[in-house]
Amino acid sequence: MKKLVGLLVVALLVLGSAAVFAEVANPEWWQKAAEPYKGVVIKGISESTPPSKAMVEVAAPEFEKLTGIKVQFEVTSWDEMYNKSIQDLQTGAGIYDFIYVEQDIIYAYLAQNWLTDLTPFIQNSAITEPNFDVDDFTSFINYFKDEKGNIYAIPFEAFLKSYIYRKDLFEDPEIQAAFKAKYGYDLAVPTTWEQYTDIAKFFTEYGKEKGIELYGHIAQAKTHPCVAYEMCESIWPAWGIYNWGINLEKMRASVENGGTLNSDQAKKALRWYVDMLQYAPPGVRTYTWDETAAVFGAGKVAQGLIYLENLGWLAQDETRSAVIGKIGVALPPTAPGVMDEAKAGKGYIGYYDGGALGIPHSSKNKEAAWLFIQWCARKEWQPEFARLATRVVRKSTFEDPLIKELDAKMGGYFTLLKDYGYLFAGAPALPMHRPLNELYLKWISKAVAGEVSPEEALDNLAKEVDELMQELGY
């Protein structure tokens, strides 16, 4: 779970605002559908991120002009957004008509019946625009459905956490020759964790030899929820440990009870994670997701796994990034058999993150809110939205010339998302997500700090996860 802290470029927003209204495919339909709700005020809340700001500063004003429906859209910090949403959902006060629904929290909301089933709205032609086209959404929409396939939120942002590297370093003839002389094979994007480790060692030593601040690895290893997420979302899946090591049928984590959390493979992966910190910058144990992106943007790291929502500024913002034009994006390394399992739909290689807009069960203006959610997701605005926010949630958006232009600047990221997004997965359907994260954080942090061995940490963690599941009635 990760939300970007960043700013939209004002000039882009101005350009976007001028373009949105002119690109409405069928304004007459919107006006007719909105007529019964003209003058209604809908209120929403989301996190202060580029996608949300684009909706607030571009989409909402044009929606108001066309429909007469007023939009009060609050964007704030993740903590405040989450707390305000939860309070409204718990009390049923109906303060908000639409809310940000993060992918990994939706299962907790569904368990409480806090969200409106949007499927009947989608099937109602009076309030669903003819070009809405559910099938045009990427596979990410599947993570906002219940077990029956009903849709409870519409994605507006989605991104992968995957492998990123410095193309300028990997393609340097002198560096290539030195790497091959040392390891006996060509320097290239790693497909195995052994190759990744060789590259990490090489660039860390290379930095020391040249007297420059350069390291071969990066991690979000702070004692913070981020370190638990890194293992659960990125490292373990690529080593073949899925769903946080929990057997979703038995709802148990220990090997003894059908899980994989304290398996030899899970322990090997955590041992690797801890050992690799020696090839990261000295402050890596203080890094969250924000610092990992900032350090890569400063040109201090040759490779790593980061949340690719950061690519917008890494590839374009000259005031923050020293690696513009030097970025490559690829699939993460995997353990033997993992890629085959992912392609067969039996596993996944990394994390597909993002969020959607949903309607609280207590909203008093559900139809009007539904119109606005559709407005933000309409096909003709998505290329411009991607330019403003570097997010793509519709298949058709990938074919737009604007996206292809952006793709080249971002190291082929949109091509990767289009062709291989299905190999990544959102968080598993675990309603007890937050208390689980606290347990994982406790024991993984202890291993990172050297207080316990990785093996001991996972034996204890698996035991406590099983106890929590039993406590919760599973």
Protein backbone atom coordinates (compact mmCIF):
# COMPACT_ATOMS: atom_id res chain seq x y z
CA MET A 1 0.00 0.00 0.00
CA LYS A 2 1.51 3.21 -1.10
CA LYS A 3 0.27 6.62 -2.01
CA LEU A 4 2.41 9.13 -3.78
CA VAL A 5 3.09 12.53 -2.26
CA GLY A 6 3.59 14.82 -5.24
CA LEU A 7 2.38 17.90 -7.04
CA LEU A 8 0.81 18.40 -10.43
CA VAL A 9 2.46 20.81 -12.78
CA VAL A 10 0.21 23.89 -12.89
CA ALA A 11 0.76 24.49 -16.58
CA LEU A 12 -0.41 20.99 -17.40
CA LEU A 13 -3.53 21.47 -15.35
CA VAL A 14 -4.38 24.66 -17.20
CA LEU A 15 -3.96 22.92 -20.53
CA GLY A 16 -6.00 19.97 -19.28
CA SER A 17 -8.82 22.16 -18.05
CA ALA A 18 -9.11 23.82 -21.42
CA ALA A 19 -9.29 20.48 -23.18
CA VAL A 20 -11.69 18.46 -21.05
CA PHE A 21 -15.02 20.06 -21.94
CA ALA A 22 -14.25 20.14 -25.67
CA GLU A 23 -13.59 16.41 -25.64
CA VAL A 24 -16.95 15.30 -24.22
CA ALA A 25 -18.24 12.68 -26.64
CA ASN A 26 -21.96 13.22 -26.03
CA PRO A 27 -22.70 16.29 -23.90
CA GLU A 28 -26.43 16.02 -24.56
CA TRP A 29 -26.58 12.65 -22.79
CA TRP A 30 -24.82 14.07 -19.72
CA GLN A 31 -27.16 17.03 -19.53
CA LYS A 32 -30.25 14.86 -19.84
CA ALA A 33 -29.03 12.28 -17.30
CA ALA A 34 -28.11 15.01 -14.82
CA GLU A 35 -31.35 17.01 -15.18
CA PRO A 36 -33.10 15.39 -12.15
CA TYR A 37 -30.07 16.21 -9.97
CA LYS A 38 -29.35 19.75 -11.13
CA GLY A 39 -28.40 21.92 -8.18
CA VAL A 40 -27.54 18.91 -5.98
CA VAL A 41 -24.27 19.21 -4.07
CA ILE A 42 -22.19 16.04 -3.84
CA LYS A 43 -19.27 15.79 -1.45
CA GLY A 44 -16.25 13.52 -1.80
CA ILE A 45 -12.86 12.87 -0.26
CA SER A 46 -9.59 11.49 -1.57
CA GLU A 47 -5.87 11.65 -0.95
CA SER A 48 -3.82 14.62 -2.09
CA THR A 49 -2.15 12.92 -5.06
CA PRO A 50 -1.75 13.92 -8.72
CA PRO A 51 -4.74 11.82 -9.87
CA SER A 52 -7.04 13.27 -7.22
CA LYS A 53 -5.84 16.80 -7.91
CA ALA A 54 -6.51 16.31 -11.60
CA MET A 55 -10.09 15.32 -10.79
CA VAL A 56 -10.53 18.24 -8.40
CA GLU A 57 -8.93 20.93 -10.53
CA VAL A 58 -9.89 19.74 -14.01
CA ALA A 59 -12.70 17.18 -14.05
CA ALA A 60 -14.95 18.58 -11.31
CA PRO A 61 -15.25 22.18 -12.62
CA GLU A 62 -16.12 20.98 -16.13
CA PHE A 63 -18.62 18.47 -14.74
CA GLU A 64 -20.33 21.29 -12.84
CA LYS A 65 -20.49 23.46 -15.97
CA LEU A 66 -22.09 20.74 -18.05
CA THR A 67 -24.44 19.10 -15.55
CA GLY A 68 -25.33 21.72 -12.96
CA ILE A 69 -24.37 19.26 -10.21
CA LYS A 70 -22.06 20.88 -7.67
CA VAL A 71 -18.96 18.98 -6.52
CA GLN A 72 -17.22 19.56 -3.19
CA PHE A 73 -14.11 17.43 -3.44
CA GLU A 74 -11.75 17.37 -0.47
CA VAL A 75 -8.17 16.19 -1.00
CA THR A 76 -6.07 15.69 2.10
CA SER A 77 -3.41 13.49 3.68
CA TRP A 78 -3.84 9.71 3.54
CA ASP A 79 -4.34 9.44 7.31
CA GLU A 80 -6.97 12.18 7.46
CA MET A 81 -8.75 10.87 4.37
CA TYR A 82 -8.87 7.36 5.79
CA ASN A 83 -10.01 8.47 9.25
CA LYS A 84 -12.75 10.76 7.92
CA SER A 85 -14.01 8.10 5.53
CA ILE A 86 -14.09 5.41 8.22
CA GLN A 87 -15.87 7.66 10.69
CA ASP A 88 -18.56 8.48 8.13
CA LEU A 89 -18.93 4.84 7.12
CA GLN A 90 -19.14 3.63 10.72
CA THR A 91 -21.70 6.19 11.83
CA GLY A 92 -23.71 6.17 8.61
CA ALA A 93 -23.86 9.97 8.75
CA GLY A 94 -23.85 10.32 4.96
CA ILE A 95 -21.37 13.19 4.91
CA TYR A 96 -19.65 11.87 1.79
CA ASP A 97 -21.28 10.84 -1.48
CA PHE A 98 -18.11 9.36 -2.91
CA ILE A 99 -14.87 8.28 -1.27
CA TYR A 100 -11.44 7.04 -2.19
CA VAL A 101 -11.26 3.26 -1.82
CA GLU A 102 -7.73 1.93 -1.68
CA GLN A 103 -7.37 -1.50 -3.21
CA ASP A 104 -6.07 -3.28 -0.15
CA ILE A 105 -8.74 -1.90 2.20
CA ILE A 106 -11.86 -2.70 0.15
CA TYR A 107 -12.26 -6.16 1.65
CA ALA A 108 -12.68 -4.64 5.10
CA TYR A 109 -15.32 -2.28 3.70
CA LEU A 110 -17.16 -5.12 1.96
CA ALA A 111 -17.19 -7.18 5.16
CA GLN A 112 -18.98 -4.28 6.88
CA ASN A 113 -21.42 -3.60 3.99
CA TRP A 114 -20.14 -0.04 3.87
CA LEU A 115 -20.18 0.43 0.09
CA THR A 116 -22.95 0.66 -2.50
CA ASP A 117 -23.10 -2.10 -5.09
CA LEU A 118 -22.59 -0.23 -8.36
CA THR A 119 -23.68 -3.10 -10.60
CA PRO A 120 -27.37 -2.01 -10.69
CA PHE A 121 -26.24 1.53 -11.51
CA ILE A 122 -24.08 0.26 -14.37
CA GLN A 123 -27.07 -1.64 -15.75
CA ASN A 124 -29.33 1.42 -15.61
CA SER A 125 -29.10 3.16 -19.01
CA ALA A 126 -30.74 6.32 -17.65
CA ILE A 127 -27.70 7.09 -15.50
CA THR A 128 -24.89 5.14 -17.18
CA GLU A 129 -23.27 6.72 -20.20
CA PRO A 130 -23.44 4.48 -23.32
CA ASN A 131 -19.65 4.46 -23.73
CA PHE A 132 -18.90 3.56 -20.10
CA ASP A 133 -17.78 0.05 -21.18
CA VAL A 134 -16.81 -2.00 -18.11
CA ASP A 135 -14.85 -4.43 -20.26
CA ASP A 136 -12.48 -1.64 -21.30
CA PHE A 137 -11.02 -1.41 -17.78
CA THR A 138 -7.75 -3.21 -17.13
CA SER A 139 -7.61 -6.26 -14.89
CA PHE A 140 -7.26 -3.87 -11.94
CA ILE A 141 -11.05 -3.48 -11.77
CA ASN A 142 -11.25 -7.09 -10.60
CA TYR A 143 -9.90 -6.02 -7.22
CA PHE A 144 -13.02 -3.94 -6.56
CA LYS A 145 -15.50 -6.78 -6.95
CA ASP A 146 -17.06 -9.08 -4.40
CA GLU A 147 -17.00 -12.86 -4.71
CA LYS A 148 -20.11 -12.72 -6.91
CA GLY A 149 -18.48 -10.31 -9.36
CA ASN A 150 -20.44 -7.23 -8.34
CA ILE A 151 -18.53 -3.96 -8.68
CA TYR A 152 -18.22 -1.66 -5.66
CA ALA A 153 -15.80 1.02 -6.90
CA ILE A 154 -14.47 2.31 -10.22
CA PRO A 155 -10.67 2.57 -10.56
CA PHE A 156 -9.14 5.93 -11.38
CA GLU A 157 -5.52 5.20 -10.54
CA ALA A 158 -3.42 2.08 -10.84
CA PHE A 159 0.30 1.38 -10.95
CA LEU A 160 2.78 -1.42 -10.48
CA LYS A 161 5.61 -1.86 -8.07
CA SER A 162 8.30 -3.26 -10.30
CA TYR A 163 11.95 -3.18 -11.28
CA ILE A 164 13.57 0.11 -12.30
CA TYR A 165 17.16 0.67 -13.35
CA ARG A 166 19.63 3.21 -14.71
CA LYS A 167 19.86 2.58 -18.46
CA ASP A 168 22.86 4.90 -18.78
CA LEU A 169 24.85 2.72 -16.36
CA PHE A 170 23.71 -0.62 -17.76
CA GLU A 171 24.55 0.51 -21.31
CA ASP A 172 27.95 2.03 -20.54
CA PRO A 173 30.62 -0.01 -22.48
CA GLU A 174 33.25 0.41 -19.77
CA ILE A 175 30.84 -0.77 -17.06
CA GLN A 176 29.64 -3.65 -19.22
CA ALA A 177 33.19 -4.84 -19.77
CA ALA A 178 34.05 -4.61 -16.07
CA PHE A 179 30.92 -6.53 -15.08
CA LYS A 180 31.56 -9.32 -17.58
CA ALA A 181 35.17 -9.62 -16.51
CA LYS A 182 34.07 -10.08 -12.92
CA TYR A 183 30.99 -12.30 -13.30
CA GLY A 184 31.48 -14.00 -16.65
CA TYR A 185 28.17 -12.95 -18.20
CA ASP A 186 26.73 -9.81 -19.79
CA LEU A 187 25.29 -7.02 -17.69
CA ALA A 188 21.56 -6.91 -18.38
CA VAL A 189 18.22 -6.60 -16.63
CA PRO A 190 18.22 -9.49 -14.13
CA THR A 191 15.66 -12.25 -14.43
CA THR A 192 16.82 -14.14 -11.33
CA TRP A 193 17.56 -13.01 -7.79
CA GLU A 194 21.10 -14.32 -8.14
CA GLN A 195 21.69 -11.97 -11.05
CA TYR A 196 20.12 -9.11 -9.13
CA THR A 197 22.48 -9.79 -6.23
CA ASP A 198 25.54 -9.80 -8.52
CA ILE A 199 24.48 -6.45 -9.99
CA ALA A 200 23.87 -4.98 -6.54
CA LYS A 201 27.33 -5.99 -5.35
CA PHE A 202 28.97 -4.79 -8.55
CA PHE A 203 27.53 -1.26 -8.55
CA THR A 204 28.10 -0.77 -4.83
CA GLU A 205 31.76 -1.70 -5.28
CA TYR A 206 31.94 0.37 -8.46
CA GLY A 207 30.71 3.42 -6.55
CA LYS A 208 33.40 2.94 -3.91
CA GLU A 209 36.12 2.48 -6.51
CA LYS A 210 35.11 5.63 -8.39
CA GLY A 211 34.57 7.65 -5.22
CA ILE A 212 30.95 8.41 -6.10
CA GLU A 213 27.73 7.94 -4.19
CA LEU A 214 26.29 4.98 -6.05
CA TYR A 215 24.69 1.82 -4.70
CA GLY A 216 23.35 -1.34 -6.28
CA HIS A 217 20.15 -1.80 -4.28
CA ILE A 218 17.33 0.12 -2.61
CA ALA A 219 14.65 -0.86 -0.09
CA GLN A 220 11.97 0.66 2.13
CA ALA A 221 13.36 -0.85 5.31
CA LYS A 222 12.21 1.57 8.00
CA THR A 223 10.36 0.28 11.05
CA HIS A 224 7.10 1.37 9.51
CA PRO A 225 4.22 -0.42 7.71
CA CYS A 226 6.23 0.02 4.49
CA VAL A 227 8.73 -2.72 5.34
CA ALA A 228 5.96 -5.27 5.89
CA TYR A 229 4.34 -4.24 2.64
CA GLU A 230 7.62 -4.58 0.78
CA MET A 231 7.98 -8.20 1.83
CA CYS A 232 4.32 -9.12 1.33
CA GLU A 233 3.73 -7.26 -1.91
CA SER A 234 7.03 -7.37 -3.76
CA ILE A 235 9.64 -9.75 -2.40
CA TRP A 236 7.70 -12.82 -1.34
CA PRO A 237 5.50 -13.07 -4.46
CA ALA A 238 8.57 -12.96 -6.69
CA TRP A 239 10.00 -15.80 -4.59
CA GLY A 240 6.79 -17.82 -4.90
CA ILE A 241 5.16 -16.94 -1.56
CA TYR A 242 1.69 -15.60 -2.33
CA ASN A 243 -1.13 -14.00 -0.32
CA TRP A 244 1.15 -12.97 2.54
CA GLY A 245 1.99 -16.64 3.06
CA ILE A 246 -1.59 -17.31 4.15
CA ASN A 247 -3.62 -20.27 2.90
CA LEU A 248 -6.85 -18.46 1.95
CA GLU A 249 -8.95 -21.60 2.20
CA LYS A 250 -7.79 -22.54 5.69
CA MET A 251 -6.99 -18.94 6.70
CA ARG A 252 -3.78 -20.06 8.33
CA ALA A 253 -0.16 -19.01 7.74
CA SER A 254 2.07 -21.63 9.34
CA VAL A 255 3.36 -24.58 7.36
CA GLU A 256 1.91 -26.83 10.04
CA ASN A 257 -1.56 -25.50 9.23
CA GLY A 258 -1.30 -25.35 5.44
CA GLY A 259 0.35 -21.94 4.98
CA THR A 260 3.75 -20.95 3.62
CA LEU A 261 4.75 -18.02 5.82
CA ASN A 262 7.41 -19.94 7.75
CA SER A 263 8.37 -22.19 4.85
CA ASP A 264 12.00 -22.61 3.84
CA GLN A 265 11.39 -20.48 0.75
CA ALA A 266 9.82 -17.63 2.73
CA LYS A 267 12.74 -17.72 5.18
CA LYS A 268 15.24 -17.72 2.33
CA ALA A 269 13.57 -14.65 0.83
CA LEU A 270 13.57 -12.72 4.12
CA ARG A 271 17.20 -13.70 4.74
CA TRP A 272 18.02 -12.35 1.26
CA TYR A 273 16.14 -9.12 1.96
CA VAL A 274 18.05 -8.49 5.19
CA ASP A 275 21.44 -9.42 3.70
CA MET A 276 20.90 -7.14 0.68
CA LEU A 277 20.67 -4.01 2.81
CA GLN A 278 24.48 -3.89 2.84
CA TYR A 279 24.35 -2.87 -0.84
CA ALA A 280 21.86 -0.04 -0.27
CA PRO A 281 22.64 3.52 0.89
CA PRO A 282 23.63 3.75 4.58
CA GLY A 283 20.31 5.32 5.58
CA VAL A 284 18.16 2.58 4.06
CA ARG A 285 16.76 1.54 7.45
CA THR A 286 15.14 4.98 7.66
CA TYR A 287 13.57 4.81 4.19
CA THR A 288 9.87 4.54 3.46
CA TRP A 289 8.48 4.45 -0.08
CA ASP A 290 9.03 8.21 -0.42
CA GLU A 291 12.75 8.06 0.32
CA THR A 292 13.36 5.11 -2.00
CA ALA A 293 11.96 7.11 -4.91
CA ALA A 294 13.83 10.27 -3.88
CA VAL A 295 17.17 8.46 -3.66
CA PHE A 296 16.65 6.84 -7.04
CA GLY A 297 15.67 10.24 -8.45
CA ALA A 298 18.89 11.70 -7.06
CA GLY A 299 20.87 9.24 -9.18
CA LYS A 300 22.34 7.35 -6.23
CA VAL A 301 20.99 3.88 -7.03
CA ALA A 302 21.55 1.62 -10.04
CA GLN A 303 18.50 -0.61 -9.63
CA GLY A 304 15.65 -1.52 -7.33
CA LEU A 305 11.95 -2.17 -6.85
CA ILE A 306 9.89 0.98 -6.36
CA TYR A 307 6.28 2.10 -6.69
CA LEU A 308 6.09 3.25 -10.28
CA GLU A 309 3.55 5.96 -9.51
CA ASN A 310 6.75 7.99 -9.04
CA LEU A 311 7.69 7.72 -12.70
CA GLY A 312 5.82 10.89 -13.60
CA TRP A 313 8.25 13.11 -11.73
CA LEU A 314 11.28 10.83 -12.08
CA ALA A 315 11.04 11.02 -15.86
CA GLN A 316 9.93 14.64 -16.28
CA ASP A 317 10.48 16.95 -13.31
CA GLU A 318 13.86 18.62 -13.74
CA THR A 319 13.58 20.29 -10.33
CA ARG A 320 13.49 16.92 -8.55
CA SER A 321 15.02 14.29 -10.80
CA ALA A 322 18.63 13.75 -11.91
CA VAL A 323 17.74 10.68 -13.96
CA ILE A 324 15.53 12.11 -16.70
CA GLY A 325 16.17 10.14 -19.89
CA LYS A 326 18.15 7.50 -17.99
CA ILE A 327 15.33 5.28 -16.69
CA GLY A 328 14.50 1.73 -17.70
CA VAL A 329 11.56 -0.28 -16.39
CA ALA A 330 11.24 -4.07 -16.46
CA LEU A 331 9.63 -7.03 -14.77
CA PRO A 332 11.16 -7.96 -11.41
CA PRO A 333 13.47 -10.95 -11.03
CA THR A 334 11.70 -14.14 -9.97
CA ALA A 335 12.54 -17.47 -8.40
CA PRO A 336 12.37 -20.61 -10.59
CA GLY A 337 8.81 -21.46 -11.59
CA VAL A 338 7.22 -18.23 -10.37
CA MET A 339 6.86 -16.64 -13.80
CA ASP A 340 5.23 -19.80 -15.16
CA GLU A 341 2.80 -19.88 -12.24
CA ALA A 342 1.89 -16.23 -12.81
CA LYS A 343 1.26 -16.73 -16.52
CA ALA A 344 -0.96 -19.70 -15.69
CA GLY A 345 -2.95 -17.65 -13.19
CA LYS A 346 -1.67 -19.67 -10.24
CA GLY A 347 0.49 -16.95 -8.74
CA TYR A 348 1.77 -13.43 -9.33
CA ILE A 349 5.13 -11.66 -9.50
CA GLY A 350 4.48 -8.37 -7.71
CA TYR A 351 2.06 -5.72 -6.58
CA TYR A 352 -0.67 -3.95 -8.55
CA ASP A 353 -1.60 -0.94 -6.44
CA GLY A 354 -4.01 1.94 -6.74
CA GLY A 355 -7.45 3.11 -5.84
CA ALA A 356 -10.99 3.75 -6.98
CA LEU A 357 -14.01 5.89 -6.22
CA GLY A 358 -16.86 4.23 -4.38
CA ILE A 359 -20.19 5.39 -2.97
CA PRO A 360 -20.84 4.95 0.78
CA HIS A 361 -23.96 3.02 1.73
CA SER A 362 -25.16 6.13 3.58
CA SER A 363 -24.79 8.60 0.69
CA LYS A 364 -27.91 10.69 0.11
CA ASN A 365 -27.01 11.49 -3.51
CA LYS A 366 -25.94 8.18 -4.98
CA GLU A 367 -27.14 8.73 -8.55
CA ALA A 368 -25.49 12.15 -8.81
CA ALA A 369 -22.27 10.73 -7.33
CA TRP A 370 -22.40 7.88 -9.83
CA LEU A 371 -22.53 10.37 -12.70
CA PHE A 372 -19.42 12.13 -11.40
CA ILE A 373 -17.49 8.88 -10.92
CA GLN A 374 -18.26 7.98 -14.53
CA TRP A 375 -17.23 11.44 -15.68
CA CYS A 376 -13.79 10.97 -14.18
CA ALA A 377 -13.44 7.56 -15.86
CA ARG A 378 -14.73 8.42 -19.32
CA LYS A 379 -12.68 7.16 -22.23
CA GLU A 380 -12.06 10.43 -24.03
CA TRP A 381 -10.48 12.09 -20.98
CA GLN A 382 -8.22 9.22 -19.95
CA PRO A 383 -5.20 10.06 -22.16
CA GLU A 384 -5.13 13.61 -20.84
CA PHE A 385 -5.67 12.31 -17.30
CA ALA A 386 -2.69 9.97 -17.78
CA ARG A 387 -0.58 12.93 -18.88
CA LEU A 388 -1.52 14.80 -15.72
CA ALA A 389 -1.30 11.87 -13.33
CA THR A 390 0.67 9.04 -15.04
CA ARG A 391 -2.12 6.52 -14.36
CA VAL A 392 -3.91 4.24 -16.81
CA VAL A 393 -6.96 2.16 -15.88
CA ARG A 394 -8.53 1.62 -19.32
CA LYS A 395 -7.21 -0.64 -22.07
CA SER A 396 -8.12 1.81 -24.81
CA THR A 397 -5.95 4.52 -23.24
CA PHE A 398 -2.79 2.59 -24.11
CA GLU A 399 -3.45 3.12 -27.83
CA ASP A 400 -3.55 6.90 -27.65
CA PRO A 401 -0.57 8.74 -29.27
CA LEU A 402 -0.14 10.81 -26.11
CA ILE A 403 0.43 7.67 -24.04
CA LYS A 404 2.91 6.28 -26.54
CA GLU A 405 4.85 9.52 -26.31
CA LEU A 406 4.85 9.34 -22.51
CA ASP A 407 5.82 5.67 -22.66
CA ALA A 408 9.13 6.51 -24.33
CA LYS A 409 9.95 9.05 -21.62
CA MET A 410 9.12 6.59 -18.85
CA GLY A 411 11.33 3.72 -19.92
CA GLY A 412 8.55 1.69 -21.53
CA TYR A 413 6.41 1.63 -18.40
CA PHE A 414 3.02 1.87 -20.11
CA THR A 415 3.97 -0.95 -22.48
CA LEU A 416 4.95 -3.04 -19.48
CA LEU A 417 1.65 -2.24 -17.74
CA LYS A 418 -0.35 -3.06 -20.86
CA ASP A 419 1.41 -6.31 -21.71
CA TYR A 420 2.22 -7.68 -18.28
CA GLY A 421 -0.09 -6.01 -15.77
CA TYR A 422 -2.01 -9.26 -15.45
CA LEU A 423 1.06 -10.89 -13.89
CA PHE A 424 0.78 -8.55 -10.89
CA ALA A 425 -1.94 -8.68 -8.24
CA GLY A 426 -3.56 -6.48 -5.67
CA ALA A 427 -3.71 -7.38 -2.00
CA PRO A 428 -5.47 -10.67 -1.18
CA ALA A 429 -9.05 -10.71 0.11
CA LEU A 430 -8.19 -10.32 3.78
CA PRO A 431 -10.65 -8.13 5.74
CA MET A 432 -8.25 -8.11 8.70
CA HIS A 433 -5.58 -6.39 6.60
CA ARG A 434 -4.52 -3.72 9.10
CA PRO A 435 -4.08 -5.93 12.20
CA LEU A 436 -2.16 -8.39 10.02
CA ASN A 437 0.17 -5.65 8.86
CA GLU A 438 0.94 -4.79 12.48
CA LEU A 439 2.07 -8.37 13.15
CA TYR A 440 4.16 -8.54 9.98
CA LEU A 441 5.70 -5.17 10.76
CA LYS A 442 6.69 -6.29 14.25
CA TRP A 443 8.57 -9.42 13.22
CA ILE A 444 10.03 -8.28 9.91
CA SER A 445 11.37 -5.14 11.62
CA LYS A 446 12.99 -7.28 14.28
CA ALA A 447 14.73 -9.29 11.56
CA VAL A 448 15.85 -6.13 9.74
CA ALA A 449 17.21 -4.70 12.99
CA GLY A 450 19.10 -7.91 13.75
CA GLU A 451 17.16 -8.54 16.96
CA VAL A 452 16.15 -12.00 15.77
CA SER A 453 17.13 -14.15 12.81
CA PRO A 454 14.87 -14.11 9.73
CA GLU A 455 14.07 -17.76 10.45
CA GLU A 456 13.05 -17.10 14.04
CA ALA A 457 11.04 -14.04 12.99
CA LEU A 458 8.91 -16.03 10.57
CA ASP A 459 8.32 -18.92 12.95
CA ASN A 460 6.97 -16.43 15.49
CA LEU A 461 5.04 -14.45 12.90
CA ALA A 462 3.31 -17.52 11.44
CA LYS A 463 2.29 -18.60 14.94
CA GLU A 464 0.84 -15.19 15.78
CA VAL A 465 -1.01 -14.91 12.47
CA ASP A 466 -2.64 -18.29 13.09
CA GLU A 467 -3.62 -17.14 16.58
CA LEU A 468 -5.13 -13.92 15.21
CA MET A 469 -7.14 -15.84 12.62
CA GLN A 470 -8.47 -18.17 15.29
CA GLU A 471 -9.31 -15.20 17.50
CA LEU A 472 -11.29 -13.66 14.64
CA GLY A 473 -13.29 -16.82 14.19
CA TYR A 474 -11.61 -18.31 11.13
